[in-house]
Amino acid sequence: MKMIRLVKKKIKFIILLTQFCIINADAINNAELALHHFMQGEFLMNQGNYALAILEFQDAIELDPNASTIHLSIADGYRRLGKGKRAEDHLQIALALEPEDKEAREMLGQLYLTQKKYKDAQNIYKDLNRSFPENLDYIYTLADLARIEKDWDLAIDYYIEGYEVNPMAINGLEQALQIALTTSNFILAEDVCDLLLIDDSENIDLLETLRDLTLFNGDYKKSLKIVNKIEKVKGADSNLLIQKSALYEELNQLDLALEVIYSALEQDSQNVDILHRLVTLLMEQEMNQEAILYNQKIIDYHPDDPRGFINNAVMAMSGKKPEEAVQALMPHSDKFSQDFTVQYLLGTAFYQIKDYVNSKTHLSRALNIYPQSRNTKHNLALIYDSTGEWVESDKLYIDLIATDTTDAQAYNNYAYSLVEREKDIEFALELAQNAIRLEPKSAAYLDTIGWIYFKMNDYDEALRYIRESLSIDSGNATIQGHLDQIIKVRSEINLHNIHQVEKQD
């Protein structure tokens, strides 16, 4: 390769000499001498003696300063010696003499990369890419530069461009997919997966990745097509049938969802995942008798799986029978002491029957298992409110608000708790205003702020909000009770004021 490069340089240099030298004896002698120094310099470069090579190139430049090839070679020498500034100067001269010189542009781009002048390098490679759009090296270098600058979408675009230039360039697409997945750009990741599957249409890993991406992106029709494709490649199994059933449900094709899961059950009648999927479908379609029948099989075949007991509790709760939910779960509470759903449902059921002691116990267990559960925190805060443990409820409300400033329910419940205690009314008003700002049409939140204004003796504002609340939820006895009390108090005050005026008269 070095010999080919040397021959090319020699030919190029000779052509330049014939273009720029005046044909006379002195010029011919200078040309021959310049060529001698140039070739000697190239020989020394190939030997790795860069310092002496540069001296030879400098002699050649003195004889012919307008030969871009000599400037390119001396720049190469300086570059190898680590003298970046001098290398850049000679490359700039070479490009001034021959702006379209590919080798000079490439060397300058590489020099900028070495110097970490990424913007300058990017400009050089963009220019090279415009001149030579079929060159994959330039495209991938631009992709790498985009990654260095953390411009992930641009990097992906360049990798895709490389694939469009050469469909055999699969490695670039794989890089693009990795970047898209790492940066959570799932839409673009899906597009890249589609391109990769053109080349390898039965790649299970790619198909499963694409299935997951389409699920995340909410394209359930495409997800179903991918699952069917996976099924053709690797054959049907229970997991794929469960996935198909779930996708049919998402597409509101409930008959097909049930049909698929029944066919799965025929193949494996004791599979707990299939049974659970079937019970869930039946419960969602309010086919509770069939759901109870199949759920009993989960309990009989899989007594160590909490889902059968949870399903019974969920059906009881949906039927507004919290006592039955407690009966379904309480005998197994210790056995499933580390199952969040069991503990959460028990705590919620106990709360609904106003057994606050047991409710606190199980909700606290649930929160220990899953400390991020906001529903558990909300329910616990309500219980602490009910039992007068306001230090604990306040801690939970403050935590809920601090971790999510859009939690309107936390603002409202905290405000209502404060106003009922007649504590920090001004702060309660601020909290209620935040709740109304987030959900201006909530009857409960309008009632809270109206009640706060009542406690602040601002009866006009109180009536305005309470009436608006009642217009949204006209059957709510609590709101109606607040309205009646406000009207009564305001009437009493008005009557008292009238009497006072009459006395003065």
Protein backbone atom coordinates (compact mmCIF):
# COMPACT_ATOMS: atom_id res chain seq x y z
CA MET A 1 0.00 0.00 0.00
CA LYS A 2 2.86 2.38 0.82
CA MET A 3 4.46 1.70 -2.60
CA ILE A 4 1.16 2.44 -4.38
CA ARG A 5 0.78 5.65 -2.39
CA LEU A 6 4.37 6.64 -3.27
CA VAL A 7 3.85 6.01 -6.99
CA LYS A 8 0.61 8.02 -6.95
CA LYS A 9 2.34 10.93 -5.23
CA LYS A 10 5.21 10.81 -7.70
CA ILE A 11 2.88 10.86 -10.68
CA LYS A 12 0.85 13.67 -9.16
CA PHE A 13 4.00 15.67 -8.40
CA ILE A 14 5.36 15.24 -11.92
CA ILE A 15 2.02 16.42 -13.37
CA LEU A 16 2.15 19.49 -11.13
CA LEU A 17 5.69 20.24 -12.22
CA THR A 18 4.74 20.15 -15.89
CA GLN A 19 1.79 22.47 -15.15
CA PHE A 20 3.67 25.14 -13.20
CA CYS A 21 7.29 25.09 -14.48
CA ILE A 22 8.43 27.29 -17.37
CA ILE A 23 10.20 25.00 -19.80
CA ASN A 24 13.81 26.12 -19.73
CA ALA A 25 17.06 24.58 -18.55
CA ASP A 26 16.95 26.13 -15.08
CA ALA A 27 13.36 25.12 -14.57
CA ILE A 28 14.04 21.58 -15.66
CA ASN A 29 17.00 21.38 -13.31
CA ASN A 30 14.88 22.79 -10.42
CA ALA A 31 12.09 20.39 -11.25
CA GLU A 32 14.41 17.42 -11.28
CA LEU A 33 16.02 18.52 -8.03
CA ALA A 34 12.63 19.16 -6.38
CA LEU A 35 11.49 15.71 -7.47
CA HIS A 36 14.69 14.23 -6.08
CA HIS A 37 14.13 15.84 -2.67
CA PHE A 38 10.46 14.85 -2.74
CA MET A 39 11.22 11.21 -3.53
CA GLN A 40 13.98 11.13 -0.94
CA GLY A 41 11.53 12.53 1.60
CA GLU A 42 8.94 9.87 0.74
CA PHE A 43 11.60 7.18 1.09
CA LEU A 44 12.52 8.48 4.55
CA MET A 45 8.80 8.66 5.51
CA ASN A 46 8.43 5.01 4.61
CA GLN A 47 11.44 4.24 6.79
CA GLY A 48 9.81 6.08 9.69
CA ASN A 49 12.45 8.82 9.75
CA TYR A 50 9.98 11.69 9.74
CA ALA A 51 12.33 14.45 10.89
CA LEU A 52 14.81 13.90 8.01
CA ALA A 53 11.90 13.44 5.61
CA ILE A 54 10.59 16.88 6.57
CA LEU A 55 14.01 18.40 5.81
CA GLU A 56 13.90 16.87 2.32
CA PHE A 57 10.35 18.15 1.78
CA GLN A 58 11.39 21.62 2.92
CA ASP A 59 14.16 21.58 0.28
CA ALA A 60 11.59 20.55 -2.31
CA ILE A 61 9.24 23.36 -1.22
CA GLU A 62 12.00 25.95 -1.62
CA LEU A 63 12.37 24.81 -5.24
CA ASP A 64 8.60 24.60 -5.88
CA PRO A 65 6.46 26.27 -3.15
CA ASN A 66 3.26 25.91 -5.19
CA ALA A 67 3.20 22.12 -5.34
CA SER A 68 0.32 21.05 -3.13
CA THR A 69 1.63 17.47 -3.01
CA ILE A 70 4.79 18.58 -1.21
CA HIS A 71 2.76 20.53 1.37
CA LEU A 72 0.61 17.46 1.86
CA SER A 73 3.64 15.26 2.47
CA ILE A 74 5.33 17.66 4.86
CA ALA A 75 2.00 17.97 6.73
CA ASP A 76 1.95 14.18 7.01
CA GLY A 77 5.42 14.26 8.48
CA TYR A 78 4.57 16.92 11.04
CA ARG A 79 1.39 15.05 11.91
CA ARG A 80 3.37 11.88 12.63
CA LEU A 81 5.76 13.86 14.82
CA GLY A 82 2.83 15.23 16.80
CA LYS A 83 3.24 18.81 15.59
CA GLY A 84 -0.39 19.47 14.84
CA LYS A 85 -0.23 23.22 14.25
CA ARG A 86 2.52 22.94 11.60
CA ALA A 87 0.70 20.04 9.96
CA GLU A 88 -2.51 22.08 9.83
CA ASP A 89 -0.66 25.09 8.30
CA HIS A 90 0.70 23.01 5.42
CA LEU A 91 -2.63 21.28 4.87
CA GLN A 92 -4.32 24.66 4.61
CA ILE A 93 -1.71 25.73 2.03
CA ALA A 94 -2.22 22.50 0.08
CA LEU A 95 -6.00 23.07 0.06
CA ALA A 96 -5.56 26.69 -0.98
CA LEU A 97 -3.57 25.45 -3.96
CA GLU A 98 -5.92 22.55 -4.69
CA PRO A 99 -9.26 22.94 -2.82
CA GLU A 100 -10.72 19.62 -3.98
CA ASP A 101 -7.75 17.49 -2.95
CA LYS A 102 -9.38 14.49 -1.29
CA GLU A 103 -6.28 13.27 0.57
CA ALA A 104 -5.58 16.71 2.05
CA ARG A 105 -9.15 17.03 3.26
CA GLU A 106 -9.07 13.55 4.77
CA MET A 107 -5.79 14.26 6.56
CA LEU A 108 -7.08 17.57 7.89
CA GLY A 109 -10.23 15.86 9.14
CA GLN A 110 -8.19 13.19 10.91
CA LEU A 111 -5.94 15.88 12.39
CA TYR A 112 -8.96 17.71 13.80
CA LEU A 113 -10.24 14.45 15.28
CA THR A 114 -6.88 13.86 16.97
CA GLN A 115 -6.95 17.40 18.34
CA LYS A 116 -10.58 16.92 19.47
CA LYS A 117 -11.68 19.84 17.30
CA TYR A 118 -14.93 18.05 16.63
CA LYS A 119 -16.84 20.93 15.02
CA ASP A 120 -13.98 21.56 12.57
CA ALA A 121 -13.74 17.84 11.84
CA GLN A 122 -17.49 17.69 11.27
CA ASN A 123 -17.29 20.51 8.70
CA ILE A 124 -14.49 18.71 6.82
CA TYR A 125 -16.35 15.39 6.71
CA LYS A 126 -19.62 17.03 5.72
CA ASP A 127 -17.77 18.59 2.81
CA LEU A 128 -16.22 15.22 1.92
CA ASN A 129 -19.63 13.58 2.19
CA ARG A 130 -21.09 16.08 -0.26
CA SER A 131 -18.24 15.42 -2.70
CA PHE A 132 -18.27 11.64 -2.25
CA PRO A 133 -21.75 10.64 -1.04
CA GLU A 134 -21.08 6.93 -1.63
CA ASN A 135 -18.15 6.79 0.78
CA LEU A 136 -19.27 4.90 3.91
CA ASP A 137 -16.20 5.90 5.91
CA TYR A 138 -17.19 9.56 5.75
CA ILE A 139 -20.78 8.79 6.75
CA TYR A 140 -19.73 6.66 9.71
CA THR A 141 -17.19 9.25 10.82
CA LEU A 142 -19.99 11.82 10.83
CA ALA A 143 -22.11 9.39 12.84
CA ASP A 144 -19.30 8.95 15.36
CA LEU A 145 -18.89 12.73 15.61
CA ALA A 146 -22.61 13.09 16.27
CA ARG A 147 -22.30 10.52 19.06
CA ILE A 148 -19.39 12.43 20.58
CA GLU A 149 -21.57 15.55 20.59
CA LYS A 150 -24.44 13.45 22.05
CA ASP A 151 -26.63 14.34 19.07
CA TRP A 152 -28.17 10.90 19.09
CA ASP A 153 -30.86 11.46 16.45
CA LEU A 154 -28.29 12.82 13.99
CA ALA A 155 -26.01 9.83 14.63
CA ILE A 156 -28.90 7.47 13.88
CA ASP A 157 -29.71 9.42 10.71
CA TYR A 158 -26.12 8.99 9.48
CA TYR A 159 -26.15 5.26 10.20
CA ILE A 160 -29.39 4.94 8.26
CA GLU A 161 -27.85 7.01 5.44
CA GLY A 162 -24.96 4.54 5.38
CA TYR A 163 -27.42 1.67 5.01
CA GLU A 164 -29.22 3.47 2.19
CA VAL A 165 -25.88 3.93 0.41
CA ASN A 166 -24.97 0.28 0.91
CA PRO A 167 -27.69 -2.14 2.09
CA MET A 168 -24.94 -4.57 3.07
CA ALA A 169 -23.80 -2.14 5.78
CA ILE A 170 -25.79 -3.82 8.56
CA ASN A 171 -23.34 -2.93 11.34
CA GLY A 172 -24.31 0.74 11.09
CA LEU A 173 -27.99 -0.12 11.51
CA GLU A 174 -27.18 -2.24 14.55
CA GLN A 175 -25.36 0.75 16.03
CA ALA A 176 -28.39 2.94 15.25
CA LEU A 177 -30.72 0.47 17.00
CA GLN A 178 -28.50 0.36 20.07
CA ILE A 179 -28.42 4.16 20.30
CA ALA A 180 -32.19 4.47 19.81
CA LEU A 181 -32.88 1.90 22.54
CA THR A 182 -30.35 3.42 24.94
CA THR A 183 -31.77 6.92 24.47
CA SER A 184 -35.40 5.66 24.67
CA ASN A 185 -36.19 6.87 21.16
CA PHE A 186 -38.57 3.99 20.61
CA ILE A 187 -40.25 5.39 17.50
CA LEU A 188 -36.92 5.60 15.68
CA ALA A 189 -35.85 2.25 17.13
CA GLU A 190 -38.94 0.70 15.56
CA ASP A 191 -38.02 2.16 12.16
CA VAL A 192 -34.48 0.78 12.43
CA CYS A 193 -35.81 -2.65 13.42
CA ASP A 194 -38.00 -2.66 10.31
CA LEU A 195 -34.91 -1.98 8.17
CA LEU A 196 -32.87 -4.72 9.86
CA LEU A 197 -35.67 -7.24 9.30
CA ILE A 198 -35.54 -6.60 5.57
CA ASP A 199 -32.17 -8.33 5.57
CA ASP A 200 -32.98 -10.94 8.23
CA SER A 201 -36.74 -11.38 8.31
CA GLU A 202 -36.79 -14.42 10.62
CA ASN A 203 -34.39 -13.15 13.27
CA ILE A 204 -36.21 -13.95 16.51
CA ASP A 205 -34.27 -11.44 18.60
CA LEU A 206 -35.16 -8.64 16.18
CA LEU A 207 -38.78 -9.75 15.94
CA GLU A 208 -39.14 -9.82 19.72
CA THR A 209 -37.48 -6.42 20.03
CA LEU A 210 -39.84 -5.01 17.41
CA ARG A 211 -42.82 -6.56 19.18
CA ASP A 212 -41.80 -4.89 22.45
CA LEU A 213 -41.28 -1.56 20.68
CA THR A 214 -44.67 -1.63 18.97
CA LEU A 215 -46.30 -2.49 22.29
CA PHE A 216 -44.60 0.46 23.96
CA ASN A 217 -45.53 2.73 21.04
CA GLY A 218 -49.16 1.56 21.21
CA ASP A 219 -49.30 0.12 17.68
CA TYR A 220 -51.19 -3.01 18.68
CA LYS A 221 -52.15 -4.01 15.13
CA LYS A 222 -48.48 -4.15 14.20
CA SER A 223 -47.70 -5.94 17.48
CA LEU A 224 -50.20 -8.63 16.55
CA LYS A 225 -48.62 -9.06 13.11
CA ILE A 226 -45.20 -9.44 14.71
CA VAL A 227 -46.48 -11.99 17.23
CA ASN A 228 -48.01 -13.99 14.38
CA LYS A 229 -44.67 -13.84 12.56
CA ILE A 230 -42.83 -15.06 15.67
CA GLU A 231 -45.36 -17.88 15.96
CA LYS A 232 -44.65 -18.96 12.37
CA VAL A 233 -40.91 -18.93 12.92
CA LYS A 234 -40.67 -20.67 16.32
CA GLY A 235 -44.09 -22.30 16.65
CA ALA A 236 -46.97 -21.57 19.02
CA ASP A 237 -46.46 -21.61 22.77
CA SER A 238 -48.49 -20.50 25.78
CA ASN A 239 -46.71 -17.16 26.10
CA LEU A 240 -47.40 -16.22 22.49
CA LEU A 241 -51.06 -17.21 22.82
CA ILE A 242 -51.39 -15.10 25.98
CA GLN A 243 -49.81 -12.18 24.11
CA LYS A 244 -52.20 -12.61 21.20
CA SER A 245 -55.16 -12.70 23.53
CA ALA A 246 -54.03 -9.51 25.26
CA LEU A 247 -53.53 -7.79 21.91
CA TYR A 248 -56.99 -8.76 20.70
CA GLU A 249 -58.35 -7.27 23.90
CA GLU A 250 -56.44 -4.03 23.30
CA LEU A 251 -57.93 -3.95 19.80
CA ASN A 252 -61.39 -4.41 21.36
CA GLN A 253 -61.83 -7.80 19.71
CA LEU A 254 -62.96 -9.51 22.89
CA ASP A 255 -64.42 -12.61 21.23
CA LEU A 256 -61.07 -13.36 19.58
CA ALA A 257 -59.26 -12.63 22.85
CA LEU A 258 -61.34 -15.29 24.58
CA GLU A 259 -61.13 -17.70 21.64
CA VAL A 260 -57.33 -17.61 21.65
CA ILE A 261 -57.03 -18.10 25.41
CA TYR A 262 -59.53 -20.99 25.37
CA SER A 263 -57.45 -22.67 22.65
CA ALA A 264 -54.36 -22.17 24.81
CA LEU A 265 -56.20 -23.76 27.73
CA GLU A 266 -56.99 -26.82 25.60
CA GLN A 267 -53.25 -27.31 25.08
CA ASP A 268 -52.34 -26.81 28.75
CA SER A 269 -55.32 -26.90 31.09
CA GLN A 270 -53.32 -26.33 34.29
CA ASN A 271 -51.06 -23.50 33.13
CA VAL A 272 -51.43 -20.79 35.78
CA ASP A 273 -50.66 -17.92 33.38
CA ILE A 274 -53.31 -19.11 30.92
CA LEU A 275 -55.87 -19.60 33.69
CA HIS A 276 -55.11 -16.17 35.16
CA ARG A 277 -55.40 -14.52 31.75
CA LEU A 278 -58.77 -16.24 31.20
CA VAL A 279 -60.07 -15.22 34.63
CA THR A 280 -58.99 -11.62 34.05
CA LEU A 281 -60.79 -11.52 30.70
CA LEU A 282 -63.95 -12.99 32.19
CA MET A 283 -63.91 -10.53 35.10
CA GLU A 284 -63.45 -7.57 32.76
CA GLN A 285 -66.49 -8.71 30.78
CA GLU A 286 -68.42 -9.19 34.03
CA MET A 287 -68.75 -12.95 33.44
CA ASN A 288 -68.18 -13.55 37.14
CA GLN A 289 -69.66 -17.02 37.42
CA GLU A 290 -67.30 -18.43 34.80
CA ALA A 291 -64.47 -16.40 36.30
CA ILE A 292 -65.09 -17.97 39.72
CA LEU A 293 -65.11 -21.44 38.15
CA TYR A 294 -61.73 -21.06 36.42
CA ASN A 295 -60.24 -19.10 39.32
CA GLN A 296 -60.94 -22.03 41.62
CA LYS A 297 -58.69 -24.10 39.35
CA ILE A 298 -55.88 -21.62 39.97
CA ILE A 299 -56.37 -22.05 43.72
CA ASP A 300 -56.64 -25.84 43.46
CA TYR A 301 -53.69 -26.38 41.10
CA HIS A 302 -51.49 -23.54 42.36
CA PRO A 303 -52.17 -22.86 46.05
CA ASP A 304 -48.80 -21.08 46.41
CA ASP A 305 -49.66 -18.54 43.72
CA PRO A 306 -51.37 -15.45 45.20
CA ARG A 307 -53.24 -14.60 41.99
CA GLY A 308 -56.17 -16.93 42.65
CA PHE A 309 -56.84 -15.37 46.04
CA ILE A 310 -56.28 -11.86 44.65
CA ASN A 311 -58.84 -12.51 41.90
CA ASN A 312 -61.45 -13.47 44.49
CA ALA A 313 -60.74 -10.28 46.42
CA VAL A 314 -60.93 -8.13 43.29
CA MET A 315 -64.32 -9.63 42.37
CA ALA A 316 -65.56 -8.95 45.90
CA MET A 317 -64.32 -5.36 45.86
CA SER A 318 -65.85 -4.70 42.43
CA GLY A 319 -69.12 -5.98 43.84
CA LYS A 320 -68.75 -3.53 46.75
CA LYS A 321 -68.31 -6.36 49.22
CA PRO A 322 -65.11 -5.49 51.11
CA GLU A 323 -65.96 -7.99 53.87
CA GLU A 324 -65.75 -10.82 51.32
CA ALA A 325 -62.43 -9.44 50.07
CA VAL A 326 -61.10 -9.64 53.62
CA GLN A 327 -62.39 -13.21 53.93
CA ALA A 328 -60.68 -14.15 50.66
CA LEU A 329 -57.28 -12.77 51.61
CA MET A 330 -56.92 -12.67 55.40
CA PRO A 331 -56.34 -16.42 55.91
CA HIS A 332 -53.40 -16.18 53.47
CA SER A 333 -51.99 -12.83 54.54
CA ASP A 334 -48.97 -14.23 56.37
CA LYS A 335 -48.24 -16.67 53.58
CA PHE A 336 -48.14 -13.79 51.09
CA SER A 337 -46.72 -11.21 53.48
CA GLN A 338 -44.29 -9.97 50.80
CA ASP A 339 -46.86 -9.68 48.02
CA PHE A 340 -47.75 -6.02 47.47
CA THR A 341 -51.16 -6.61 45.87
CA VAL A 342 -52.35 -8.92 48.65
CA GLN A 343 -51.37 -6.43 51.34
CA TYR A 344 -52.69 -3.41 49.44
CA LEU A 345 -56.09 -5.00 48.75
CA LEU A 346 -56.40 -6.10 52.38
CA GLY A 347 -55.56 -2.61 53.61
CA THR A 348 -58.07 -1.05 51.20
CA ALA A 349 -60.81 -3.52 52.14
CA PHE A 350 -60.28 -2.93 55.86
CA TYR A 351 -60.40 0.83 55.24
CA GLN A 352 -63.76 0.49 53.51
CA ILE A 353 -65.23 -1.31 56.51
CA LYS A 354 -63.64 1.34 58.78
CA ASP A 355 -61.26 -1.08 60.48
CA TYR A 356 -58.47 1.45 60.56
CA VAL A 357 -56.10 -0.56 62.76
CA ASN A 358 -55.92 -3.48 60.35
CA SER A 359 -56.01 -1.14 57.39
CA LYS A 360 -52.90 0.69 58.63
CA THR A 361 -51.13 -2.61 59.26
CA HIS A 362 -51.59 -3.96 55.76
CA LEU A 363 -51.14 -0.69 53.90
CA SER A 364 -47.90 -0.11 55.82
CA ARG A 365 -46.74 -3.56 54.76
CA ALA A 366 -47.65 -2.75 51.16
CA LEU A 367 -45.70 0.51 51.33
CA ASN A 368 -42.66 -1.29 52.73
CA ILE A 369 -42.80 -3.70 49.80
CA TYR A 370 -43.26 -0.95 47.21
CA PRO A 371 -42.30 2.46 48.64
CA GLN A 372 -43.12 4.26 45.38
CA SER A 373 -46.83 3.40 45.50
CA ARG A 374 -48.68 6.71 45.54
CA ASN A 375 -52.08 5.07 45.96
CA THR A 376 -50.87 3.40 49.13
CA LYS A 377 -49.58 6.72 50.47
CA HIS A 378 -52.89 8.42 49.66
CA ASN A 379 -54.89 5.74 51.44
CA LEU A 380 -52.61 5.72 54.46
CA ALA A 381 -52.83 9.51 54.70
CA LEU A 382 -56.64 9.28 54.73
CA ILE A 383 -56.53 6.71 57.51
CA TYR A 384 -54.14 8.81 59.62
CA ASP A 385 -56.53 11.72 59.09
CA SER A 386 -59.42 9.59 60.29
CA THR A 387 -57.54 8.47 63.40
CA GLY A 388 -56.18 11.93 64.20
CA GLU A 389 -52.55 10.97 63.58
CA TRP A 390 -51.89 14.21 61.74
CA VAL A 391 -48.12 14.21 62.06
CA GLU A 392 -48.10 11.01 60.00
CA SER A 393 -50.72 12.20 57.50
CA ASP A 394 -48.92 15.53 57.01
CA LYS A 395 -45.65 13.70 56.30
CA LEU A 396 -47.35 11.66 53.60
CA TYR A 397 -49.08 14.65 52.01
CA ILE A 398 -45.84 16.64 51.93
CA ASP A 399 -44.03 13.68 50.38
CA LEU A 400 -46.76 13.21 47.75
CA ILE A 401 -46.62 16.90 46.77
CA ALA A 402 -42.81 17.06 46.81
CA THR A 403 -42.50 14.03 44.51
CA ASP A 404 -45.23 15.14 42.10
CA THR A 405 -46.27 18.78 41.89
CA THR A 406 -49.19 17.82 39.63
CA ASP A 407 -50.88 15.59 42.23
CA ALA A 408 -54.14 17.52 42.60
CA GLN A 409 -55.58 14.93 44.96
CA ALA A 410 -52.70 15.39 47.42
CA TYR A 411 -53.16 19.18 47.40
CA ASN A 412 -56.89 18.85 47.95
CA ASN A 413 -56.79 16.19 50.65
CA TYR A 414 -54.09 18.01 52.57
CA ALA A 415 -56.06 21.25 52.33
CA TYR A 416 -59.26 19.57 53.52
CA SER A 417 -57.40 17.91 56.39
CA LEU A 418 -56.04 21.27 57.54
CA VAL A 419 -59.33 23.12 57.29
CA GLU A 420 -61.16 20.41 59.21
CA ARG A 421 -58.57 20.82 61.97
CA GLU A 422 -58.89 24.60 61.59
CA LYS A 423 -55.13 24.75 61.27
CA ASP A 424 -53.02 26.87 58.86
CA ILE A 425 -56.08 28.07 56.96
CA GLU A 426 -54.06 30.39 54.72
CA PHE A 427 -51.79 27.49 53.74
CA ALA A 428 -54.85 25.30 53.21
CA LEU A 429 -56.23 27.92 50.81
CA GLU A 430 -52.96 27.90 48.85
CA LEU A 431 -53.08 24.11 48.60
CA ALA A 432 -56.71 24.16 47.46
CA GLN A 433 -55.93 26.78 44.83
CA ASN A 434 -53.25 24.49 43.41
CA ALA A 435 -55.75 21.63 43.24
CA ILE A 436 -58.29 23.84 41.42
CA ARG A 437 -55.60 25.06 39.03
CA LEU A 438 -54.81 21.48 38.09
CA GLU A 439 -58.42 20.23 37.95
CA PRO A 440 -60.81 23.20 37.76
CA LYS A 441 -63.92 21.06 37.19
CA SER A 442 -63.57 18.71 40.15
CA ALA A 443 -66.64 18.91 42.36
CA ALA A 444 -64.68 17.68 45.40
CA TYR A 445 -61.92 20.25 44.95
CA LEU A 446 -64.39 23.09 44.41
CA ASP A 447 -66.17 22.02 47.59
CA THR A 448 -62.88 22.06 49.53
CA ILE A 449 -61.94 25.58 48.51
CA GLY A 450 -65.49 26.76 49.16
CA TRP A 451 -65.36 25.26 52.63
CA ILE A 452 -62.04 26.99 53.30
CA TYR A 453 -63.53 30.36 52.33
CA PHE A 454 -66.41 29.62 54.69
CA LYS A 455 -63.94 29.03 57.53
CA MET A 456 -62.29 32.35 56.59
CA ASN A 457 -65.74 34.03 56.87
CA ASP A 458 -65.75 34.91 53.16
CA TYR A 459 -69.30 33.70 52.58
CA ASP A 460 -69.74 35.08 49.08
CA GLU A 461 -66.69 33.23 47.75
CA ALA A 462 -67.72 30.16 49.73
CA LEU A 463 -71.18 30.14 48.15
CA ARG A 464 -69.76 30.70 44.67
CA TYR A 465 -67.49 27.66 44.83
CA ILE A 466 -69.92 25.39 46.68
CA ARG A 467 -72.71 26.13 44.20
CA GLU A 468 -70.38 25.44 41.29
CA SER A 469 -69.37 22.18 42.98
CA LEU A 470 -73.01 21.17 43.46
CA SER A 471 -73.80 21.93 39.82
CA ILE A 472 -71.27 19.25 38.88
CA ASP A 473 -72.25 16.68 41.54
CA SER A 474 -75.81 17.54 42.48
CA GLY A 475 -76.44 14.34 44.43
CA ASN A 476 -73.52 14.70 46.84
CA ALA A 477 -74.86 14.93 50.39
CA THR A 478 -71.64 16.37 51.84
CA ILE A 479 -71.58 19.25 49.35
CA GLN A 480 -75.29 19.90 49.92
CA GLY A 481 -74.68 19.90 53.65
CA HIS A 482 -71.88 22.48 53.26
CA LEU A 483 -74.15 24.68 51.14
CA ASP A 484 -76.98 24.49 53.70
CA GLN A 485 -74.62 25.38 56.56
CA ILE A 486 -73.12 28.34 54.68
CA ILE A 487 -76.56 29.70 53.80
CA LYS A 488 -77.73 29.23 57.39
CA VAL A 489 -74.72 31.01 58.90
CA ARG A 490 -74.87 33.84 56.40
CA SER A 491 -78.60 34.27 57.06
CA GLU A 492 -78.00 34.35 60.80
CA ILE A 493 -75.32 37.02 60.36
CA ASN A 494 -77.56 39.07 58.09
CA LEU A 495 -80.41 38.77 60.58
CA HIS A 496 -78.09 39.79 63.42
CA ASN A 497 -76.93 42.81 61.43
CA ILE A 498 -80.54 43.87 60.78
CA HIS A 499 -81.31 43.66 64.49
CA GLN A 500 -78.30 45.76 65.29
CA VAL A 501 -79.39 48.45 62.85
CA GLU A 502 -82.92 48.43 64.31
CA LYS A 503 -81.49 48.89 67.83
CA GLN A 504 -79.48 51.88 66.70
CA ASP A 505 -82.56 53.42 65.10
